[in-house]
Amino acid sequence: MTRLFTALEIPQPAAFHLSLLRGGLPGARWIDPENYHVTLRFIGDTDGRTADEVANALDRVYRPPFELKLKGFDCFASGRVPHSLVVRIEPTPQLIELQAEHERIMQRLGLPPEGRRYIPHVTLARLRGTTATDVARWLAEHGAFDGPSFAVDRFVLYSSRASVGGGPYIVEEAYPFAA
């Protein structure tokens, strides 16, 4: 079984900018900058046949390049327990349409629909034992975040091993956008 997801890569200059935010949060397991990405669709554990079907279906996605901007911090939680520190991505029509197309493709292949609302983001850290007060303090210390914009000219199909958060991720296929 291979664990798959589709995503947008974060270019090195933007990843470096994000890496400067690491530190100062108790219980945070910081994601390595080379593993930063914007998930489009988590696919999950798949057999070889399904993985091939996914890769082939994604090859038909035709989109022009577009720009994204890193803007604002957030913390995802289960109930009142924080589990992820993230930087939000400004949702553009191009991003939302691309993500929706990936969702439609996966459902046409017989995969179950994604149950969560799509919130474009880059995970900075996985949190364990971090209190809401710790997160609030970190957010207050770092203030409003207005990060760089970057060009998006392809999406990728990543594989990952079942592990405790944050990679390593392997690019299985890359799908360039139309020039």
N, C-alpha and C. Protein backbone atom coordinates (compact mmCIF):
# COMPACT_ATOMS: atom_id res chain seq x y z
N MET A 1 0.83 -1.19 0.00
CA MET A 1 0.00 0.00 0.00
C MET A 1 0.88 1.25 0.00
N THR A 2 0.44 2.22 -0.76
CA THR A 2 1.15 3.50 -0.85
C THR A 2 0.21 4.60 -0.39
N ARG A 3 0.67 5.47 0.50
CA ARG A 3 -0.12 6.62 0.95
C ARG A 3 0.15 7.77 -0.01
N LEU A 4 -0.91 8.29 -0.64
CA LEU A 4 -0.78 9.31 -1.67
C LEU A 4 -1.56 10.57 -1.31
N PHE A 5 -1.10 11.70 -1.85
CA PHE A 5 -1.86 12.94 -1.83
C PHE A 5 -1.35 13.84 -2.94
N THR A 6 -2.21 14.75 -3.40
CA THR A 6 -1.79 15.73 -4.39
C THR A 6 -1.53 17.05 -3.66
N ALA A 7 -0.58 17.82 -4.20
CA ALA A 7 -0.20 19.05 -3.51
C ALA A 7 0.51 20.00 -4.45
N LEU A 8 0.67 21.21 -3.96
CA LEU A 8 1.50 22.22 -4.60
C LEU A 8 2.78 22.35 -3.77
N GLU A 9 3.89 22.40 -4.45
CA GLU A 9 5.17 22.56 -3.76
C GLU A 9 5.37 24.02 -3.35
N ILE A 10 6.14 24.20 -2.31
CA ILE A 10 6.51 25.55 -1.87
C ILE A 10 7.93 25.80 -2.38
N PRO A 11 8.12 26.83 -3.21
CA PRO A 11 9.47 27.08 -3.73
C PRO A 11 10.45 27.44 -2.60
N GLN A 12 11.71 27.18 -2.85
CA GLN A 12 12.75 27.33 -1.84
C GLN A 12 12.77 28.71 -1.20
N PRO A 13 12.66 29.82 -1.93
CA PRO A 13 12.68 31.13 -1.25
C PRO A 13 11.53 31.29 -0.24
N ALA A 14 10.34 30.85 -0.60
CA ALA A 14 9.20 30.93 0.32
C ALA A 14 9.38 29.96 1.49
N ALA A 15 9.90 28.77 1.21
CA ALA A 15 10.15 27.79 2.27
C ALA A 15 11.18 28.33 3.27
N PHE A 16 12.21 28.99 2.77
CA PHE A 16 13.20 29.59 3.66
C PHE A 16 12.55 30.63 4.56
N HIS A 17 11.70 31.47 3.96
CA HIS A 17 10.99 32.49 4.72
C HIS A 17 10.17 31.84 5.86
N LEU A 18 9.48 30.76 5.54
CA LEU A 18 8.69 30.05 6.55
C LEU A 18 9.57 29.39 7.61
N SER A 19 10.73 28.90 7.20
CA SER A 19 11.61 28.21 8.15
C SER A 19 12.11 29.15 9.25
N LEU A 20 12.13 30.44 8.97
CA LEU A 20 12.58 31.41 9.96
C LEU A 20 11.58 31.55 11.11
N LEU A 21 10.40 31.01 10.95
CA LEU A 21 9.37 31.08 11.99
C LEU A 21 9.49 29.97 13.03
N ARG A 22 10.35 29.00 12.75
CA ARG A 22 10.46 27.82 13.62
C ARG A 22 11.02 28.20 14.99
N GLY A 23 10.46 27.55 16.01
CA GLY A 23 11.00 27.71 17.36
C GLY A 23 10.07 28.46 18.29
N GLY A 24 10.30 28.24 19.58
CA GLY A 24 9.61 28.99 20.61
C GLY A 24 8.22 28.51 20.97
N LEU A 25 7.86 27.31 20.55
CA LEU A 25 6.53 26.79 20.88
C LEU A 25 6.69 25.41 21.52
N PRO A 26 6.42 25.29 22.81
CA PRO A 26 6.57 24.00 23.50
C PRO A 26 5.72 22.91 22.85
N GLY A 27 6.30 21.73 22.70
CA GLY A 27 5.57 20.60 22.16
C GLY A 27 5.44 20.58 20.64
N ALA A 28 6.08 21.53 19.96
CA ALA A 28 5.99 21.60 18.50
C ALA A 28 7.05 20.69 17.87
N ARG A 29 6.63 19.88 16.90
CA ARG A 29 7.54 19.14 16.02
C ARG A 29 7.52 19.87 14.69
N TRP A 30 8.56 20.65 14.44
CA TRP A 30 8.61 21.53 13.28
C TRP A 30 8.83 20.70 12.01
N ILE A 31 8.08 21.04 10.99
CA ILE A 31 8.19 20.37 9.69
C ILE A 31 9.46 20.87 8.99
N ASP A 32 10.20 19.96 8.38
CA ASP A 32 11.39 20.36 7.62
C ASP A 32 10.95 21.16 6.39
N PRO A 33 11.66 22.25 6.08
CA PRO A 33 11.26 23.10 4.96
C PRO A 33 11.10 22.36 3.63
N GLU A 34 11.89 21.33 3.38
CA GLU A 34 11.75 20.59 2.12
C GLU A 34 10.43 19.81 2.05
N ASN A 35 9.73 19.70 3.17
CA ASN A 35 8.44 19.00 3.20
C ASN A 35 7.23 19.95 3.24
N TYR A 36 7.47 21.26 3.17
CA TYR A 36 6.36 22.21 3.11
C TYR A 36 5.61 22.00 1.80
N HIS A 37 4.29 22.07 1.86
CA HIS A 37 3.45 21.92 0.68
C HIS A 37 2.05 22.41 0.99
N VAL A 38 1.25 22.59 -0.05
CA VAL A 38 -0.17 22.91 0.09
C VAL A 38 -0.93 21.69 -0.42
N THR A 39 -1.54 20.95 0.46
CA THR A 39 -2.29 19.76 0.05
C THR A 39 -3.51 20.18 -0.76
N LEU A 40 -3.71 19.49 -1.87
CA LEU A 40 -4.91 19.67 -2.66
C LEU A 40 -5.94 18.59 -2.32
N ARG A 41 -5.49 17.33 -2.32
CA ARG A 41 -6.40 16.22 -2.00
C ARG A 41 -5.62 15.08 -1.37
N PHE A 42 -5.96 14.73 -0.13
CA PHE A 42 -5.40 13.55 0.50
C PHE A 42 -6.13 12.35 -0.08
N ILE A 43 -5.38 11.38 -0.55
CA ILE A 43 -5.95 10.19 -1.18
C ILE A 43 -5.94 9.03 -0.21
N GLY A 44 -4.85 8.87 0.50
CA GLY A 44 -4.76 7.81 1.49
C GLY A 44 -4.00 6.61 0.98
N ASP A 45 -4.12 5.51 1.70
CA ASP A 45 -3.42 4.27 1.36
C ASP A 45 -4.10 3.63 0.16
N THR A 46 -3.32 3.37 -0.88
CA THR A 46 -3.87 2.82 -2.12
C THR A 46 -3.05 1.63 -2.57
N ASP A 47 -3.70 0.74 -3.30
CA ASP A 47 -2.98 -0.37 -3.92
C ASP A 47 -2.36 0.13 -5.23
N GLY A 48 -1.54 -0.69 -5.85
CA GLY A 48 -0.83 -0.30 -7.07
C GLY A 48 -1.76 0.07 -8.21
N ARG A 49 -2.83 -0.69 -8.39
CA ARG A 49 -3.77 -0.41 -9.48
C ARG A 49 -4.44 0.95 -9.30
N THR A 50 -4.91 1.22 -8.08
CA THR A 50 -5.56 2.51 -7.82
C THR A 50 -4.57 3.65 -7.97
N ALA A 51 -3.34 3.46 -7.50
CA ALA A 51 -2.32 4.50 -7.66
C ALA A 51 -2.09 4.82 -9.13
N ASP A 52 -2.03 3.81 -9.98
CA ASP A 52 -1.88 4.03 -11.42
C ASP A 52 -3.07 4.77 -12.00
N GLU A 53 -4.28 4.41 -11.57
CA GLU A 53 -5.48 5.09 -12.06
C GLU A 53 -5.47 6.57 -11.66
N VAL A 54 -5.07 6.84 -10.43
CA VAL A 54 -4.98 8.22 -9.96
C VAL A 54 -3.97 8.99 -10.80
N ALA A 55 -2.78 8.43 -10.97
CA ALA A 55 -1.73 9.11 -11.74
C ALA A 55 -2.19 9.40 -13.17
N ASN A 56 -2.85 8.43 -13.80
CA ASN A 56 -3.32 8.62 -15.18
C ASN A 56 -4.43 9.66 -15.26
N ALA A 57 -5.36 9.64 -14.31
CA ALA A 57 -6.46 10.60 -14.33
C ALA A 57 -5.95 12.03 -14.12
N LEU A 58 -4.95 12.21 -13.26
CA LEU A 58 -4.41 13.55 -13.01
C LEU A 58 -3.69 14.11 -14.22
N ASP A 59 -3.24 13.24 -15.09
CA ASP A 59 -2.53 13.68 -16.29
C ASP A 59 -3.43 14.50 -17.22
N ARG A 60 -4.72 14.44 -17.03
CA ARG A 60 -5.66 15.17 -17.89
C ARG A 60 -6.02 16.55 -17.35
N VAL A 61 -5.46 16.93 -16.21
CA VAL A 61 -5.74 18.26 -15.64
C VAL A 61 -5.00 19.30 -16.46
N TYR A 62 -5.73 20.30 -16.93
CA TYR A 62 -5.16 21.34 -17.77
C TYR A 62 -5.47 22.70 -17.14
N ARG A 63 -4.45 23.36 -16.64
CA ARG A 63 -4.61 24.65 -15.96
C ARG A 63 -3.47 25.58 -16.34
N PRO A 64 -3.74 26.89 -16.38
CA PRO A 64 -2.64 27.85 -16.55
C PRO A 64 -1.95 28.09 -15.21
N PRO A 65 -0.70 28.53 -15.24
CA PRO A 65 0.00 28.89 -13.99
C PRO A 65 -0.74 30.02 -13.26
N PHE A 66 -0.51 30.12 -11.96
CA PHE A 66 -1.11 31.19 -11.17
C PHE A 66 -0.21 31.50 -9.99
N GLU A 67 -0.59 32.53 -9.23
CA GLU A 67 0.18 32.98 -8.07
C GLU A 67 -0.58 32.65 -6.79
N LEU A 68 0.17 32.36 -5.73
CA LEU A 68 -0.40 32.19 -4.39
C LEU A 68 0.35 33.08 -3.42
N LYS A 69 -0.32 33.40 -2.31
CA LYS A 69 0.29 34.25 -1.28
C LYS A 69 0.10 33.61 0.09
N LEU A 70 1.19 33.61 0.86
CA LEU A 70 1.16 33.16 2.24
C LEU A 70 0.64 34.32 3.09
N LYS A 71 -0.44 34.06 3.84
CA LYS A 71 -1.06 35.19 4.55
C LYS A 71 -1.76 34.71 5.82
N GLY A 72 -1.17 34.94 6.96
CA GLY A 72 -1.82 34.70 8.24
C GLY A 72 -1.50 33.35 8.86
N PHE A 73 -1.50 33.33 10.18
CA PHE A 73 -1.29 32.10 10.94
C PHE A 73 -2.64 31.53 11.35
N ASP A 74 -2.63 30.26 11.67
CA ASP A 74 -3.81 29.60 12.22
C ASP A 74 -3.34 28.41 13.03
N CYS A 75 -4.22 27.91 13.84
CA CYS A 75 -3.97 26.69 14.61
C CYS A 75 -5.17 25.79 14.42
N PHE A 76 -4.93 24.57 13.98
CA PHE A 76 -6.00 23.59 13.85
C PHE A 76 -6.05 22.79 15.14
N ALA A 77 -7.26 22.46 15.56
CA ALA A 77 -7.44 21.77 16.83
C ALA A 77 -8.51 20.70 16.70
N SER A 78 -8.43 19.72 17.56
CA SER A 78 -9.50 18.75 17.75
C SER A 78 -10.18 19.13 19.05
N GLY A 79 -11.37 19.67 18.94
CA GLY A 79 -12.00 20.24 20.13
C GLY A 79 -11.20 21.43 20.59
N ARG A 80 -10.72 21.36 21.82
CA ARG A 80 -9.90 22.46 22.36
C ARG A 80 -8.41 22.12 22.37
N VAL A 81 -8.04 21.00 21.77
CA VAL A 81 -6.65 20.55 21.81
C VAL A 81 -5.97 20.90 20.49
N PRO A 82 -5.02 21.84 20.51
CA PRO A 82 -4.33 22.21 19.27
C PRO A 82 -3.48 21.06 18.75
N HIS A 83 -3.51 20.83 17.42
CA HIS A 83 -2.68 19.76 16.85
C HIS A 83 -1.77 20.22 15.71
N SER A 84 -2.04 21.38 15.11
CA SER A 84 -1.19 21.84 14.01
C SER A 84 -1.12 23.36 13.99
N LEU A 85 0.10 23.87 13.78
CA LEU A 85 0.31 25.29 13.56
C LEU A 85 0.52 25.46 12.06
N VAL A 86 -0.24 26.37 11.44
CA VAL A 86 -0.20 26.50 9.99
C VAL A 86 -0.10 27.96 9.57
N VAL A 87 0.36 28.15 8.33
CA VAL A 87 0.27 29.43 7.65
C VAL A 87 -0.80 29.27 6.58
N ARG A 88 -1.72 30.18 6.56
CA ARG A 88 -2.79 30.11 5.57
C ARG A 88 -2.30 30.59 4.20
N ILE A 89 -2.96 30.07 3.19
CA ILE A 89 -2.76 30.51 1.82
C ILE A 89 -4.00 31.31 1.43
N GLU A 90 -3.82 32.49 0.85
CA GLU A 90 -4.99 33.23 0.37
C GLU A 90 -5.68 32.40 -0.69
N PRO A 91 -6.95 32.07 -0.49
CA PRO A 91 -7.64 31.23 -1.48
C PRO A 91 -7.97 32.04 -2.73
N THR A 92 -7.41 31.64 -3.84
CA THR A 92 -7.70 32.29 -5.12
C THR A 92 -8.69 31.41 -5.89
N PRO A 93 -9.41 31.99 -6.84
CA PRO A 93 -10.31 31.16 -7.65
C PRO A 93 -9.57 30.01 -8.34
N GLN A 94 -8.35 30.27 -8.81
CA GLN A 94 -7.59 29.22 -9.49
C GLN A 94 -7.27 28.06 -8.56
N LEU A 95 -6.90 28.36 -7.32
CA LEU A 95 -6.59 27.32 -6.34
C LEU A 95 -7.84 26.53 -5.99
N ILE A 96 -8.93 27.21 -5.72
CA ILE A 96 -10.17 26.53 -5.33
C ILE A 96 -10.68 25.65 -6.46
N GLU A 97 -10.59 26.13 -7.70
CA GLU A 97 -11.03 25.33 -8.85
C GLU A 97 -10.14 24.10 -9.05
N LEU A 98 -8.83 24.26 -8.87
CA LEU A 98 -7.91 23.14 -9.00
C LEU A 98 -8.20 22.08 -7.94
N GLN A 99 -8.38 22.52 -6.71
CA GLN A 99 -8.68 21.57 -5.63
C GLN A 99 -10.00 20.85 -5.89
N ALA A 100 -11.01 21.58 -6.37
CA ALA A 100 -12.31 20.97 -6.66
C ALA A 100 -12.19 19.95 -7.79
N GLU A 101 -11.36 20.25 -8.77
CA GLU A 101 -11.15 19.30 -9.86
C GLU A 101 -10.50 18.01 -9.34
N HIS A 102 -9.53 18.14 -8.45
CA HIS A 102 -8.90 16.95 -7.86
C HIS A 102 -9.94 16.13 -7.08
N GLU A 103 -10.80 16.82 -6.36
CA GLU A 103 -11.84 16.12 -5.60
C GLU A 103 -12.77 15.35 -6.55
N ARG A 104 -13.19 16.00 -7.63
CA ARG A 104 -14.07 15.32 -8.61
C ARG A 104 -13.38 14.10 -9.22
N ILE A 105 -12.12 14.23 -9.55
CA ILE A 105 -11.37 13.12 -10.14
C ILE A 105 -11.34 11.94 -9.18
N MET A 106 -11.03 12.21 -7.92
CA MET A 106 -10.93 11.11 -6.95
C MET A 106 -12.28 10.43 -6.75
N GLN A 107 -13.34 11.20 -6.73
CA GLN A 107 -14.66 10.60 -6.57
C GLN A 107 -15.06 9.78 -7.80
N ARG A 108 -14.69 10.25 -9.00
CA ARG A 108 -14.98 9.47 -10.22
C ARG A 108 -14.23 8.15 -10.20
N LEU A 109 -13.08 8.12 -9.55
CA LEU A 109 -12.31 6.88 -9.44
C LEU A 109 -12.85 5.97 -8.33
N GLY A 110 -13.89 6.41 -7.65
CA GLY A 110 -14.51 5.58 -6.63
C GLY A 110 -13.98 5.81 -5.22
N LEU A 111 -13.14 6.82 -5.03
CA LEU A 111 -12.64 7.12 -3.69
C LEU A 111 -13.69 7.91 -2.92
N PRO A 112 -13.77 7.74 -1.62
CA PRO A 112 -14.78 8.48 -0.85
C PRO A 112 -14.50 9.98 -0.86
N PRO A 113 -15.54 10.78 -0.77
CA PRO A 113 -15.33 12.23 -0.75
C PRO A 113 -14.58 12.67 0.50
N GLU A 114 -13.84 13.74 0.37
CA GLU A 114 -13.16 14.34 1.52
C GLU A 114 -14.23 14.94 2.42
N GLY A 115 -14.20 14.59 3.68
CA GLY A 115 -15.23 15.04 4.60
C GLY A 115 -15.01 16.41 5.19
N ARG A 116 -13.80 16.95 5.06
CA ARG A 116 -13.50 18.24 5.67
C ARG A 116 -13.57 19.35 4.63
N ARG A 117 -13.94 20.53 5.09
CA ARG A 117 -13.93 21.73 4.24
C ARG A 117 -12.47 22.04 3.88
N TYR A 118 -12.24 22.46 2.64
CA TYR A 118 -10.88 22.74 2.19
C TYR A 118 -10.42 24.09 2.73
N ILE A 119 -9.31 24.08 3.46
CA ILE A 119 -8.67 25.29 3.97
C ILE A 119 -7.22 25.25 3.49
N PRO A 120 -6.89 26.04 2.47
CA PRO A 120 -5.51 26.00 1.96
C PRO A 120 -4.51 26.54 2.99
N HIS A 121 -3.46 25.74 3.23
CA HIS A 121 -2.49 26.11 4.26
C HIS A 121 -1.20 25.33 4.06
N VAL A 122 -0.17 25.77 4.77
CA VAL A 122 1.11 25.07 4.87
C VAL A 122 1.30 24.75 6.35
N THR A 123 1.47 23.49 6.67
CA THR A 123 1.69 23.10 8.06
C THR A 123 3.14 23.41 8.44
N LEU A 124 3.29 24.18 9.52
CA LEU A 124 4.62 24.51 10.04
C LEU A 124 5.06 23.53 11.11
N ALA A 125 4.10 23.10 11.95
CA ALA A 125 4.45 22.22 13.07
C ALA A 125 3.25 21.38 13.45
N ARG A 126 3.55 20.16 13.89
CA ARG A 126 2.56 19.28 14.54
C ARG A 126 2.74 19.50 16.03
N LEU A 127 1.63 19.55 16.74
CA LEU A 127 1.67 19.89 18.16
C LEU A 127 1.24 18.71 19.02
N ARG A 128 2.00 18.47 20.08
CA ARG A 128 1.65 17.43 21.05
C ARG A 128 1.98 17.99 22.43
N GLY A 129 0.96 18.03 23.27
CA GLY A 129 1.16 18.57 24.61
C GLY A 129 1.25 20.08 24.62
N THR A 130 0.93 20.71 23.53
CA THR A 130 0.97 22.17 23.43
C THR A 130 -0.40 22.70 23.87
N THR A 131 -0.41 23.66 24.77
CA THR A 131 -1.67 24.20 25.25
C THR A 131 -2.15 25.33 24.34
N ALA A 132 -3.42 25.62 24.44
CA ALA A 132 -3.99 26.75 23.69
C ALA A 132 -3.31 28.05 24.12
N THR A 133 -2.93 28.14 25.38
CA THR A 133 -2.23 29.33 25.88
C THR A 133 -0.85 29.44 25.22
N ASP A 134 -0.14 28.32 25.07
CA ASP A 134 1.16 28.33 24.39
C ASP A 134 1.01 28.84 22.96
N VAL A 135 -0.01 28.33 22.27
CA VAL A 135 -0.24 28.73 20.88
C VAL A 135 -0.60 30.22 20.82
N ALA A 136 -1.48 30.67 21.69
CA ALA A 136 -1.88 32.08 21.71
C ALA A 136 -0.67 32.98 21.94
N ARG A 137 0.22 32.56 22.84
CA ARG A 137 1.43 33.35 23.12
C ARG A 137 2.32 33.42 21.88
N TRP A 138 2.52 32.25 21.21
CA TRP A 138 3.36 32.21 20.01
C TRP A 138 2.77 33.11 18.92
N LEU A 139 1.46 33.01 18.73
CA LEU A 139 0.80 33.83 17.71
C LEU A 139 0.94 35.32 18.03
N ALA A 140 0.78 35.68 19.29
CA ALA A 140 0.92 37.09 19.69
C ALA A 140 2.34 37.59 19.47
N GLU A 141 3.33 36.74 19.77
CA GLU A 141 4.72 37.13 19.58
C GLU A 141 5.08 37.33 18.11
N HIS A 142 4.42 36.57 17.23
CA HIS A 142 4.75 36.64 15.81
C HIS A 142 3.86 37.59 15.03
N GLY A 143 2.78 38.06 15.63
CA GLY A 143 1.93 39.06 15.01
C GLY A 143 1.29 38.59 13.72
N ALA A 144 0.75 39.55 13.00
CA ALA A 144 0.12 39.26 11.71
C ALA A 144 1.20 38.82 10.73
N PHE A 145 0.91 37.81 9.96
CA PHE A 145 1.89 37.30 9.00
C PHE A 145 1.46 37.65 7.59
N ASP A 146 2.32 38.36 6.89
CA ASP A 146 2.09 38.71 5.50
C ASP A 146 3.31 38.22 4.73
N GLY A 147 3.24 36.98 4.28
CA GLY A 147 4.39 36.34 3.65
C GLY A 147 4.49 36.62 2.17
N PRO A 148 5.45 35.98 1.54
CA PRO A 148 5.67 36.22 0.11
C PRO A 148 4.63 35.53 -0.77
N SER A 149 4.52 36.03 -1.97
CA SER A 149 3.75 35.37 -3.03
C SER A 149 4.72 34.49 -3.79
N PHE A 150 4.17 33.50 -4.49
CA PHE A 150 5.01 32.64 -5.32
C PHE A 150 4.20 32.10 -6.48
N ALA A 151 4.92 31.79 -7.55
CA ALA A 151 4.28 31.26 -8.76
C ALA A 151 4.04 29.76 -8.60
N VAL A 152 2.92 29.31 -9.11
CA VAL A 152 2.57 27.89 -9.12
C VAL A 152 2.48 27.48 -10.58
N ASP A 153 3.38 26.58 -10.99
CA ASP A 153 3.37 26.16 -12.39
C ASP A 153 3.21 24.66 -12.57
N ARG A 154 2.94 23.96 -11.45
CA ARG A 154 2.67 22.53 -11.53
C ARG A 154 2.09 22.06 -10.20
N PHE A 155 1.49 20.88 -10.21
CA PHE A 155 1.14 20.20 -8.98
C PHE A 155 1.81 18.84 -9.02
N VAL A 156 1.87 18.18 -7.87
CA VAL A 156 2.56 16.90 -7.80
C VAL A 156 1.69 15.87 -7.08
N LEU A 157 1.99 14.61 -7.37
CA LEU A 157 1.44 13.48 -6.65
C LEU A 157 2.54 13.00 -5.72
N TYR A 158 2.31 13.15 -4.42
CA TYR A 158 3.28 12.75 -3.41
C TYR A 158 2.92 11.39 -2.84
N SER A 159 3.95 10.66 -2.42
CA SER A 159 3.74 9.50 -1.57
C SER A 159 4.44 9.78 -0.25
N SER A 160 3.95 9.11 0.78
CA SER A 160 4.58 9.25 2.08
C SER A 160 4.48 7.93 2.81
N ARG A 161 5.35 7.76 3.76
CA ARG A 161 5.27 6.59 4.65
C ARG A 161 4.40 6.98 5.82
N ALA A 162 3.74 6.00 6.37
CA ALA A 162 3.00 6.25 7.61
C ALA A 162 4.04 6.59 8.67
N SER A 163 3.98 7.80 9.17
CA SER A 163 4.97 8.24 10.16
C SER A 163 4.31 9.26 11.07
N VAL A 164 5.07 9.74 12.00
CA VAL A 164 4.57 10.75 12.92
C VAL A 164 4.84 12.10 12.28
N GLY A 165 3.87 12.56 11.48
CA GLY A 165 3.82 13.89 10.89
C GLY A 165 5.04 14.39 10.14
N GLY A 166 4.79 14.95 9.00
CA GLY A 166 5.76 15.78 8.34
C GLY A 166 6.78 15.14 7.44
N GLY A 167 6.49 14.05 6.77
CA GLY A 167 7.38 13.53 5.75
C GLY A 167 8.18 12.35 6.23
N PRO A 168 9.11 11.90 5.44
CA PRO A 168 9.51 12.49 4.16
C PRO A 168 8.49 12.18 3.06
N TYR A 169 8.39 13.12 2.14
CA TYR A 169 7.47 12.99 1.01
C TYR A 169 8.29 12.79 -0.26
N ILE A 170 7.77 11.97 -1.15
CA ILE A 170 8.44 11.67 -2.41
C ILE A 170 7.53 12.08 -3.55
N VAL A 171 8.06 12.84 -4.51
CA VAL A 171 7.28 13.20 -5.69
C VAL A 171 7.22 11.98 -6.59
N GLU A 172 6.03 11.42 -6.75
CA GLU A 172 5.82 10.26 -7.61
C GLU A 172 5.61 10.69 -9.07
N GLU A 173 4.86 11.77 -9.25
CA GLU A 173 4.60 12.34 -10.58
C GLU A 173 4.48 13.85 -10.42
N ALA A 174 4.91 14.56 -11.45
CA ALA A 174 4.74 16.02 -11.50
C ALA A 174 3.90 16.33 -12.73
N TYR A 175 2.99 17.29 -12.58
CA TYR A 175 2.04 17.64 -13.63
C TYR A 175 2.17 19.13 -13.93
N PRO A 176 2.97 19.49 -14.93
CA PRO A 176 3.15 20.92 -15.26
C PRO A 176 1.85 21.51 -15.79
N PHE A 177 1.65 22.79 -15.48
CA PHE A 177 0.51 23.52 -16.02
C PHE A 177 0.80 23.95 -17.44
N ALA A 178 -0.22 24.35 -18.16
CA ALA A 178 -0.07 24.83 -19.53
C ALA A 178 0.72 26.14 -19.52
N ALA A 179 1.58 26.28 -20.50
CA ALA A 179 2.40 27.50 -20.58
C ALA A 179 1.60 28.64 -21.17
